[in-house]
Amino acid sequence: EEIDGHVRTSSTWLRIGKDRWISEAYVTWSPSQPVPWCS
């Protein structure tokens, strides 16, 4: 789902554990780095 967050508007979600997801719209990266797709 596309989210208009505090950092950006994004439809990318990050898997941080089993059945655990967060929207990248609220994530700042330090340092910036690529994230692979989930199978």
All heavy atoms as atom14 arrays in JSON, in Angstrom:
{
  "sequence": "EEIDGHVRTSSTWLRIGKDRWISEAYVTWSPSQPVPWCS",
  "atom14_mask": [
    [1, 1, 1, 1, 1, 1, 1, 1, 1, 0, 0, 0, 0, 0],
    [1, 1, 1, 1, 1, 1, 1, 1, 1, 0, 0, 0, 0, 0],
    [1, 1, 1, 1, 1, 1, 1, 1, 0, 0, 0, 0, 0, 0],
    [1, 1, 1, 1, 1, 1, 1, 1, 0, 0, 0, 0, 0, 0],
    [1, 1, 1, 1, 0, 0, 0, 0, 0, 0, 0, 0, 0, 0],
    [1, 1, 1, 1, 1, 1, 1, 1, 1, 1, 0, 0, 0, 0],
    [1, 1, 1, 1, 1, 1, 1, 0, 0, 0, 0, 0, 0, 0],
    [1, 1, 1, 1, 1, 1, 1, 1, 1, 1, 1, 0, 0, 0],
    [1, 1, 1, 1, 1, 1, 1, 0, 0, 0, 0, 0, 0, 0],
    [1, 1, 1, 1, 1, 1, 0, 0, 0, 0, 0, 0, 0, 0],
    [1, 1, 1, 1, 1, 1, 0, 0, 0, 0, 0, 0, 0, 0],
    [1, 1, 1, 1, 1, 1, 1, 0, 0, 0, 0, 0, 0, 0],
    [1, 1, 1, 1, 1, 1, 1, 1, 1, 1, 1, 1, 1, 1],
    [1, 1, 1, 1, 1, 1, 1, 1, 0, 0, 0, 0, 0, 0],
    [1, 1, 1, 1, 1, 1, 1, 1, 1, 1, 1, 0, 0, 0],
    [1, 1, 1, 1, 1, 1, 1, 1, 0, 0, 0, 0, 0, 0],
    [1, 1, 1, 1, 0, 0, 0, 0, 0, 0, 0, 0, 0, 0],
    [1, 1, 1, 1, 1, 1, 1, 1, 1, 0, 0, 0, 0, 0],
    [1, 1, 1, 1, 1, 1, 1, 1, 0, 0, 0, 0, 0, 0],
    [1, 1, 1, 1, 1, 1, 1, 1, 1, 1, 1, 0, 0, 0],
    [1, 1, 1, 1, 1, 1, 1, 1, 1, 1, 1, 1, 1, 1],
    [1, 1, 1, 1, 1, 1, 1, 1, 0, 0, 0, 0, 0, 0],
    [1, 1, 1, 1, 1, 1, 0, 0, 0, 0, 0, 0, 0, 0],
    [1, 1, 1, 1, 1, 1, 1, 1, 1, 0, 0, 0, 0, 0],
    [1, 1, 1, 1, 1, 0, 0, 0, 0, 0, 0, 0, 0, 0],
    [1, 1, 1, 1, 1, 1, 1, 1, 1, 1, 1, 1, 0, 0],
    [1, 1, 1, 1, 1, 1, 1, 0, 0, 0, 0, 0, 0, 0],
    [1, 1, 1, 1, 1, 1, 1, 0, 0, 0, 0, 0, 0, 0],
    [1, 1, 1, 1, 1, 1, 1, 1, 1, 1, 1, 1, 1, 1],
    [1, 1, 1, 1, 1, 1, 0, 0, 0, 0, 0, 0, 0, 0],
    [1, 1, 1, 1, 1, 1, 1, 0, 0, 0, 0, 0, 0, 0],
    [1, 1, 1, 1, 1, 1, 0, 0, 0, 0, 0, 0, 0, 0],
    [1, 1, 1, 1, 1, 1, 1, 1, 1, 0, 0, 0, 0, 0],
    [1, 1, 1, 1, 1, 1, 1, 0, 0, 0, 0, 0, 0, 0],
    [1, 1, 1, 1, 1, 1, 1, 0, 0, 0, 0, 0, 0, 0],
    [1, 1, 1, 1, 1, 1, 1, 0, 0, 0, 0, 0, 0, 0],
    [1, 1, 1, 1, 1, 1, 1, 1, 1, 1, 1, 1, 1, 1],
    [1, 1, 1, 1, 1, 1, 0, 0, 0, 0, 0, 0, 0, 0],
    [1, 1, 1, 1, 1, 1, 0, 0, 0, 0, 0, 0, 0, 0]
  ],
  "atom14_positions": [
    [[0.83, -1.2, 0.0], [0.0, 0.0, 0.0], [0.87, 1.25, 0.0], [1.86, 1.33, 0.73], [-0.9, 0.0, 1.24], [-1.79, 1.22, 1.34], [-2.58, 1.27, 2.63], [-2.45, 0.33, 3.46], [-3.32, 2.24, 2.84], [0.0, 0.0, 0.0], [0.0, 0.0, 0.0], [0.0, 0.0, 0.0], [0.0, 0.0, 0.0], [0.0, 0.0, 0.0]],
    [[0.49, 2.23, -0.81], [1.24, 3.48, -0.83], [0.92, 4.29, 0.42], [-0.25, 4.5, 0.76], [0.91, 4.29, -2.08], [1.75, 5.56, -2.18], [1.58, 6.24, -3.52], [0.59, 7.01, -3.65], [2.4, 6.02, -4.42], [0.0, 0.0, 0.0], [0.0, 0.0, 0.0], [0.0, 0.0, 0.0], [0.0, 0.0, 0.0], [0.0, 0.0, 0.0]],
    [[1.96, 4.74, 1.11], [1.82, 5.48, 2.36], [2.49, 6.85, 2.23], [3.61, 6.96, 1.74], [2.48, 4.7, 3.53], [1.86, 3.3, 3.67], [2.37, 5.49, 4.83], [0.39, 3.29, 4.03], [0.0, 0.0, 0.0], [0.0, 0.0, 0.0], [0.0, 0.0, 0.0], [0.0, 0.0, 0.0], [0.0, 0.0, 0.0], [0.0, 0.0, 0.0]],
    [[1.79, 7.87, 2.67], [2.35, 9.22, 2.73], [2.89, 9.41, 4.14], [2.14, 9.73, 5.06], [1.27, 10.24, 2.39], [1.81, 11.66, 2.34], [3.05, 11.84, 2.37], [1.0, 12.61, 2.27], [0.0, 0.0, 0.0], [0.0, 0.0, 0.0], [0.0, 0.0, 0.0], [0.0, 0.0, 0.0], [0.0, 0.0, 0.0], [0.0, 0.0, 0.0]],
    [[4.18, 9.18, 4.31], [4.77, 9.17, 5.64], [5.57, 10.4, 5.98], [5.58, 11.39, 5.24], [0.0, 0.0, 0.0], [0.0, 0.0, 0.0], [0.0, 0.0, 0.0], [0.0, 0.0, 0.0], [0.0, 0.0, 0.0], [0.0, 0.0, 0.0], [0.0, 0.0, 0.0], [0.0, 0.0, 0.0], [0.0, 0.0, 0.0], [0.0, 0.0, 0.0]],
    [[6.25, 10.33, 7.09], [7.02, 11.47, 7.59], [8.27, 11.72, 6.75], [8.74, 12.86, 6.63], [7.43, 11.22, 9.05], [8.1, 12.4, 9.7], [7.49, 13.63, 9.84], [9.34, 12.53, 10.24], [8.32, 14.47, 10.44], [9.46, 13.82, 10.7], [0.0, 0.0, 0.0], [0.0, 0.0, 0.0], [0.0, 0.0, 0.0], [0.0, 0.0, 0.0]],
    [[8.81, 10.66, 6.14], [10.04, 10.79, 5.35], [9.75, 10.94, 3.86], [10.35, 11.76, 3.18], [10.96, 9.56, 5.57], [12.21, 9.64, 4.71], [11.33, 9.44, 7.05], [0.0, 0.0, 0.0], [0.0, 0.0, 0.0], [0.0, 0.0, 0.0], [0.0, 0.0, 0.0], [0.0, 0.0, 0.0], [0.0, 0.0, 0.0], [0.0, 0.0, 0.0]],
    [[8.8, 10.17, 3.35], [8.52, 10.16, 1.92], [7.15, 9.53, 1.67], [6.56, 8.95, 2.57], [9.6, 9.37, 1.16], [9.62, 7.89, 1.56], [10.69, 7.1, 0.81], [12.03, 7.51, 1.2], [12.68, 7.06, 2.28], [12.09, 6.21, 3.1], [13.9, 7.45, 2.56], [0.0, 0.0, 0.0], [0.0, 0.0, 0.0], [0.0, 0.0, 0.0]],
    [[6.68, 9.64, 0.45], [5.52, 8.86, 0.0], [6.06, 7.64, -0.72], [6.84, 7.77, -1.66], [4.62, 9.69, -0.93], [4.12, 10.83, -0.22], [3.45, 8.86, -1.43], [0.0, 0.0, 0.0], [0.0, 0.0, 0.0], [0.0, 0.0, 0.0], [0.0, 0.0, 0.0], [0.0, 0.0, 0.0], [0.0, 0.0, 0.0], [0.0, 0.0, 0.0]],
    [[5.65, 6.47, -0.28], [6.26, 5.25, -0.81], [5.29, 4.08, -0.76], [4.46, 3.98, 0.15], [7.53, 4.91, -0.02], [8.09, 3.69, -0.46], [0.0, 0.0, 0.0], [0.0, 0.0, 0.0], [0.0, 0.0, 0.0], [0.0, 0.0, 0.0], [0.0, 0.0, 0.0], [0.0, 0.0, 0.0], [0.0, 0.0, 0.0], [0.0, 0.0, 0.0]],
    [[5.42, 3.18, -1.75], [4.67, 1.93, -1.73], [5.58, 0.76, -1.37], [5.18, -0.39, -1.5], [4.01, 1.69, -3.09], [4.99, 1.62, -4.12], [0.0, 0.0, 0.0], [0.0, 0.0, 0.0], [0.0, 0.0, 0.0], [0.0, 0.0, 0.0], [0.0, 0.0, 0.0], [0.0, 0.0, 0.0], [0.0, 0.0, 0.0], [0.0, 0.0, 0.0]],
    [[6.79, 1.06, -0.92], [7.73, 0.02, -0.51], [7.55, -0.31, 0.97], [7.47, 0.59, 1.81], [9.19, 0.46, -0.75], [9.39, 0.66, -2.15], [10.17, -0.59, -0.26], [0.0, 0.0, 0.0], [0.0, 0.0, 0.0], [0.0, 0.0, 0.0], [0.0, 0.0, 0.0], [0.0, 0.0, 0.0], [0.0, 0.0, 0.0], [0.0, 0.0, 0.0]],
    [[7.45, -1.6, 1.25], [7.38, -2.08, 2.62], [8.56, -2.99, 2.88], [9.02, -3.72, 2.0], [6.08, -2.84, 2.86], [4.88, -1.94, 2.96], [4.35, -1.17, 1.96], [4.08, -1.7, 4.12], [3.26, -0.47, 2.42], [3.07, -0.79, 3.74], [4.1, -2.18, 5.43], [2.1, -0.33, 4.64], [3.13, -1.75, 6.32], [2.15, -0.82, 5.93]],
    [[9.06, -2.94, 4.11], [10.26, -3.68, 4.49], [9.91, -4.82, 5.42], [9.18, -4.64, 6.4], [11.26, -2.74, 5.17], [11.63, -1.48, 4.38], [12.48, -0.56, 5.24], [12.34, -1.84, 3.09], [0.0, 0.0, 0.0], [0.0, 0.0, 0.0], [0.0, 0.0, 0.0], [0.0, 0.0, 0.0], [0.0, 0.0, 0.0], [0.0, 0.0, 0.0]],
    [[10.45, -5.99, 5.13], [10.25, -7.15, 6.01], [11.32, -7.11, 7.1], [12.51, -7.1, 6.82], [10.36, -8.45, 5.22], [10.22, -9.68, 6.09], [10.24, -10.96, 5.25], [10.22, -12.13, 6.11], [11.3, -12.82, 6.48], [12.49, -12.46, 6.03], [11.2, -13.85, 7.28], [0.0, 0.0, 0.0], [0.0, 0.0, 0.0], [0.0, 0.0, 0.0]],
    [[10.87, -7.05, 8.37], [11.81, -6.98, 9.49], [11.72, -8.22, 10.37], [12.33, -8.26, 11.45], [11.59, -5.7, 10.32], [10.19, -5.69, 10.92], [11.82, -4.46, 9.47], [9.96, -4.56, 11.93], [0.0, 0.0, 0.0], [0.0, 0.0, 0.0], [0.0, 0.0, 0.0], [0.0, 0.0, 0.0], [0.0, 0.0, 0.0], [0.0, 0.0, 0.0]],
    [[10.99, -9.23, 9.92], [10.85, -10.47, 10.67], [9.67, -11.24, 10.13], [8.98, -10.81, 9.2], [0.0, 0.0, 0.0], [0.0, 0.0, 0.0], [0.0, 0.0, 0.0], [0.0, 0.0, 0.0], [0.0, 0.0, 0.0], [0.0, 0.0, 0.0], [0.0, 0.0, 0.0], [0.0, 0.0, 0.0], [0.0, 0.0, 0.0], [0.0, 0.0, 0.0]],
    [[9.42, -12.42, 10.68], [8.31, -13.23, 10.24], [6.99, -12.53, 10.55], [6.72, -12.17, 11.69], [8.34, -14.6, 10.95], [7.23, -15.52, 10.5], [7.31, -16.88, 11.18], [6.17, -17.78, 10.71], [6.22, -19.11, 11.37], [0.0, 0.0, 0.0], [0.0, 0.0, 0.0], [0.0, 0.0, 0.0], [0.0, 0.0, 0.0], [0.0, 0.0, 0.0]],
    [[6.2, -12.32, 9.5], [4.93, -11.6, 9.64], [5.1, -10.22, 10.24], [4.23, -9.73, 10.96], [3.94, -12.4, 10.49], [3.57, -13.73, 9.87], [3.44, -13.79, 8.64], [3.41, -14.71, 10.61], [0.0, 0.0, 0.0], [0.0, 0.0, 0.0], [0.0, 0.0, 0.0], [0.0, 0.0, 0.0], [0.0, 0.0, 0.0], [0.0, 0.0, 0.0]],
    [[6.2, -9.56, 9.93], [6.48, -8.23, 10.47], [6.94, -7.32, 9.34], [7.99, -7.56, 8.73], [7.52, -8.29, 11.58], [7.03, -9.02, 12.84], [8.13, -9.21, 13.86], [8.64, -7.93, 14.36], [8.08, -7.21, 15.31], [6.96, -7.62, 15.89], [8.61, -6.07, 15.71], [0.0, 0.0, 0.0], [0.0, 0.0, 0.0], [0.0, 0.0, 0.0]],
    [[6.13, -6.27, 9.07], [6.4, -5.37, 7.95], [6.22, -3.92, 8.4], [5.34, -3.61, 9.2], [5.43, -5.65, 6.8], [5.49, -7.04, 6.27], [4.86, -8.15, 6.77], [6.24, -7.49, 5.14], [5.16, -9.25, 6.02], [6.0, -8.89, 5.01], [7.08, -6.86, 4.22], [6.58, -9.65, 3.99], [7.65, -7.62, 3.21], [7.4, -8.99, 3.1]],
    [[7.05, -3.04, 7.86], [6.91, -1.61, 8.1], [7.01, -0.86, 6.78], [7.65, -1.32, 5.84], [8.0, -1.07, 9.07], [9.41, -1.34, 8.52], [7.82, -1.65, 10.47], [10.52, -0.68, 9.32], [0.0, 0.0, 0.0], [0.0, 0.0, 0.0], [0.0, 0.0, 0.0], [0.0, 0.0, 0.0], [0.0, 0.0, 0.0], [0.0, 0.0, 0.0]],
    [[6.35, 0.29, 6.72], [6.41, 1.11, 5.52], [7.71, 1.9, 5.48], [8.12, 2.51, 6.48], [5.23, 2.08, 5.49], [5.41, 3.05, 4.46], [0.0, 0.0, 0.0], [0.0, 0.0, 0.0], [0.0, 0.0, 0.0], [0.0, 0.0, 0.0], [0.0, 0.0, 0.0], [0.0, 0.0, 0.0], [0.0, 0.0, 0.0], [0.0, 0.0, 0.0]],
    [[8.36, 1.9, 4.3], [9.6, 2.67, 4.16], [9.32, 4.18, 4.15], [10.24, 4.99, 4.21], [10.33, 2.28, 2.88], [11.78, 2.73, 2.87], [12.52, 2.39, 1.6], [11.88, 2.23, 0.54], [13.76, 2.29, 1.65], [0.0, 0.0, 0.0], [0.0, 0.0, 0.0], [0.0, 0.0, 0.0], [0.0, 0.0, 0.0], [0.0, 0.0, 0.0]],
    [[8.04, 4.56, 4.13], [7.68, 5.97, 4.18], [8.1, 6.61, 5.49], [8.16, 7.84, 5.61], [6.17, 6.14, 3.98], [0.0, 0.0, 0.0], [0.0, 0.0, 0.0], [0.0, 0.0, 0.0], [0.0, 0.0, 0.0], [0.0, 0.0, 0.0], [0.0, 0.0, 0.0], [0.0, 0.0, 0.0], [0.0, 0.0, 0.0], [0.0, 0.0, 0.0]],
    [[8.41, 5.77, 6.5], [8.84, 6.27, 7.81], [10.26, 5.82, 8.15], [10.62, 5.77, 9.33], [7.88, 5.76, 8.9], [6.51, 6.39, 8.83], [5.48, 5.77, 8.13], [6.25, 7.62, 9.43], [4.22, 6.34, 8.06], [5.0, 8.2, 9.37], [3.99, 7.56, 8.67], [2.75, 8.14, 8.6], [0.0, 0.0, 0.0], [0.0, 0.0, 0.0]],
    [[11.06, 5.55, 7.13], [12.41, 5.07, 7.37], [13.43, 5.99, 6.72], [13.34, 6.33, 5.53], [12.59, 3.64, 6.83], [14.06, 3.21, 6.92], [11.71, 2.66, 7.6], [0.0, 0.0, 0.0], [0.0, 0.0, 0.0], [0.0, 0.0, 0.0], [0.0, 0.0, 0.0], [0.0, 0.0, 0.0], [0.0, 0.0, 0.0], [0.0, 0.0, 0.0]],
    [[14.42, 6.4, 7.51], [15.6, 7.1, 7.01], [16.75, 6.11, 7.0], [16.89, 5.32, 7.94], [15.94, 8.31, 7.9], [14.83, 9.21, 7.92], [17.17, 9.04, 7.37], [0.0, 0.0, 0.0], [0.0, 0.0, 0.0], [0.0, 0.0, 0.0], [0.0, 0.0, 0.0], [0.0, 0.0, 0.0], [0.0, 0.0, 0.0], [0.0, 0.0, 0.0]],
    [[17.56, 6.14, 5.95], [18.69, 5.21, 5.85], [20.01, 5.93, 6.13], [20.26, 7.02, 5.63], [18.75, 4.59, 4.46], [17.65, 3.61, 4.2], [16.46, 3.86, 3.58], [17.64, 2.23, 4.56], [15.7, 2.72, 3.53], [16.4, 1.7, 4.11], [18.54, 1.39, 5.2], [16.05, 0.36, 4.3], [18.2, 0.06, 5.39], [16.97, -0.45, 4.94]],
    [[20.84, 5.28, 6.93], [22.18, 5.81, 7.2], [23.14, 4.63, 7.4], [23.17, 4.03, 8.48], [22.16, 6.7, 8.44], [23.45, 7.23, 8.68], [0.0, 0.0, 0.0], [0.0, 0.0, 0.0], [0.0, 0.0, 0.0], [0.0, 0.0, 0.0], [0.0, 0.0, 0.0], [0.0, 0.0, 0.0], [0.0, 0.0, 0.0], [0.0, 0.0, 0.0]],
    [[23.92, 4.31, 6.36], [23.95, 4.95, 5.03], [22.86, 4.4, 4.13], [22.26, 3.36, 4.41], [25.33, 4.52, 4.52], [25.53, 3.16, 5.12], [24.92, 3.23, 6.49], [0.0, 0.0, 0.0], [0.0, 0.0, 0.0], [0.0, 0.0, 0.0], [0.0, 0.0, 0.0], [0.0, 0.0, 0.0], [0.0, 0.0, 0.0], [0.0, 0.0, 0.0]],
    [[22.63, 5.09, 3.02], [21.68, 4.63, 2.03], [22.19, 3.36, 1.39], [23.4, 3.24, 1.11], [21.46, 5.71, 0.96], [20.57, 5.27, -0.03], [0.0, 0.0, 0.0], [0.0, 0.0, 0.0], [0.0, 0.0, 0.0], [0.0, 0.0, 0.0], [0.0, 0.0, 0.0], [0.0, 0.0, 0.0], [0.0, 0.0, 0.0], [0.0, 0.0, 0.0]],
    [[21.33, 2.4, 1.16], [21.76, 1.13, 0.58], [20.6, 0.42, -0.09], [19.45, 0.64, 0.26], [22.35, 0.22, 1.66], [21.44, -0.01, 2.85], [22.17, -0.65, 4.01], [22.61, -1.8, 3.9], [22.31, 0.08, 5.1], [0.0, 0.0, 0.0], [0.0, 0.0, 0.0], [0.0, 0.0, 0.0], [0.0, 0.0, 0.0], [0.0, 0.0, 0.0]],
    [[20.91, -0.42, -1.08], [19.84, -1.16, -1.77], [19.28, -2.26, -0.9], [19.99, -2.86, -0.09], [20.56, -1.72, -3.01], [21.98, -1.86, -2.58], [22.24, -0.7, -1.66], [0.0, 0.0, 0.0], [0.0, 0.0, 0.0], [0.0, 0.0, 0.0], [0.0, 0.0, 0.0], [0.0, 0.0, 0.0], [0.0, 0.0, 0.0], [0.0, 0.0, 0.0]],
    [[17.99, -2.53, -1.07], [17.33, -3.61, -0.35], [16.81, -4.6, -1.39], [16.12, -4.2, -2.33], [16.15, -3.08, 0.5], [15.44, -4.23, 1.22], [16.65, -2.05, 1.51], [0.0, 0.0, 0.0], [0.0, 0.0, 0.0], [0.0, 0.0, 0.0], [0.0, 0.0, 0.0], [0.0, 0.0, 0.0], [0.0, 0.0, 0.0], [0.0, 0.0, 0.0]],
    [[17.11, -5.89, -1.26], [16.64, -6.86, -2.25], [15.15, -7.11, -2.15], [14.53, -6.84, -1.11], [17.44, -8.13, -1.9], [17.71, -7.98, -0.44], [17.93, -6.51, -0.21], [0.0, 0.0, 0.0], [0.0, 0.0, 0.0], [0.0, 0.0, 0.0], [0.0, 0.0, 0.0], [0.0, 0.0, 0.0], [0.0, 0.0, 0.0], [0.0, 0.0, 0.0]],
    [[14.57, -7.63, -3.22], [13.17, -8.02, -3.2], [13.0, -9.27, -2.33], [13.93, -10.03, -2.15], [12.67, -8.32, -4.62], [12.59, -7.12, -5.5], [13.48, -6.75, -6.47], [11.57, -6.11, -5.49], [13.08, -5.58, -7.07], [11.91, -5.16, -6.49], [10.41, -5.92, -4.75], [11.11, -4.05, -6.75], [9.62, -4.8, -5.0], [9.97, -3.89, -6.0]],
    [[11.78, -9.47, -1.84], [11.44, -10.69, -1.1], [10.89, -11.73, -2.08], [10.09, -11.4, -2.96], [10.38, -10.42, -0.04], [10.82, -9.24, 1.24], [0.0, 0.0, 0.0], [0.0, 0.0, 0.0], [0.0, 0.0, 0.0], [0.0, 0.0, 0.0], [0.0, 0.0, 0.0], [0.0, 0.0, 0.0], [0.0, 0.0, 0.0], [0.0, 0.0, 0.0]],
    [[11.3, -12.96, -1.9], [10.73, -14.05, -2.68], [9.23, -14.16, -2.39], [8.8, -14.04, -1.23], [11.43, -15.36, -2.32], [10.7, -16.47, -2.79], [0.0, 0.0, 0.0], [0.0, 0.0, 0.0], [0.0, 0.0, 0.0], [0.0, 0.0, 0.0], [0.0, 0.0, 0.0], [0.0, 0.0, 0.0], [0.0, 0.0, 0.0], [0.0, 0.0, 0.0]]
  ]
}
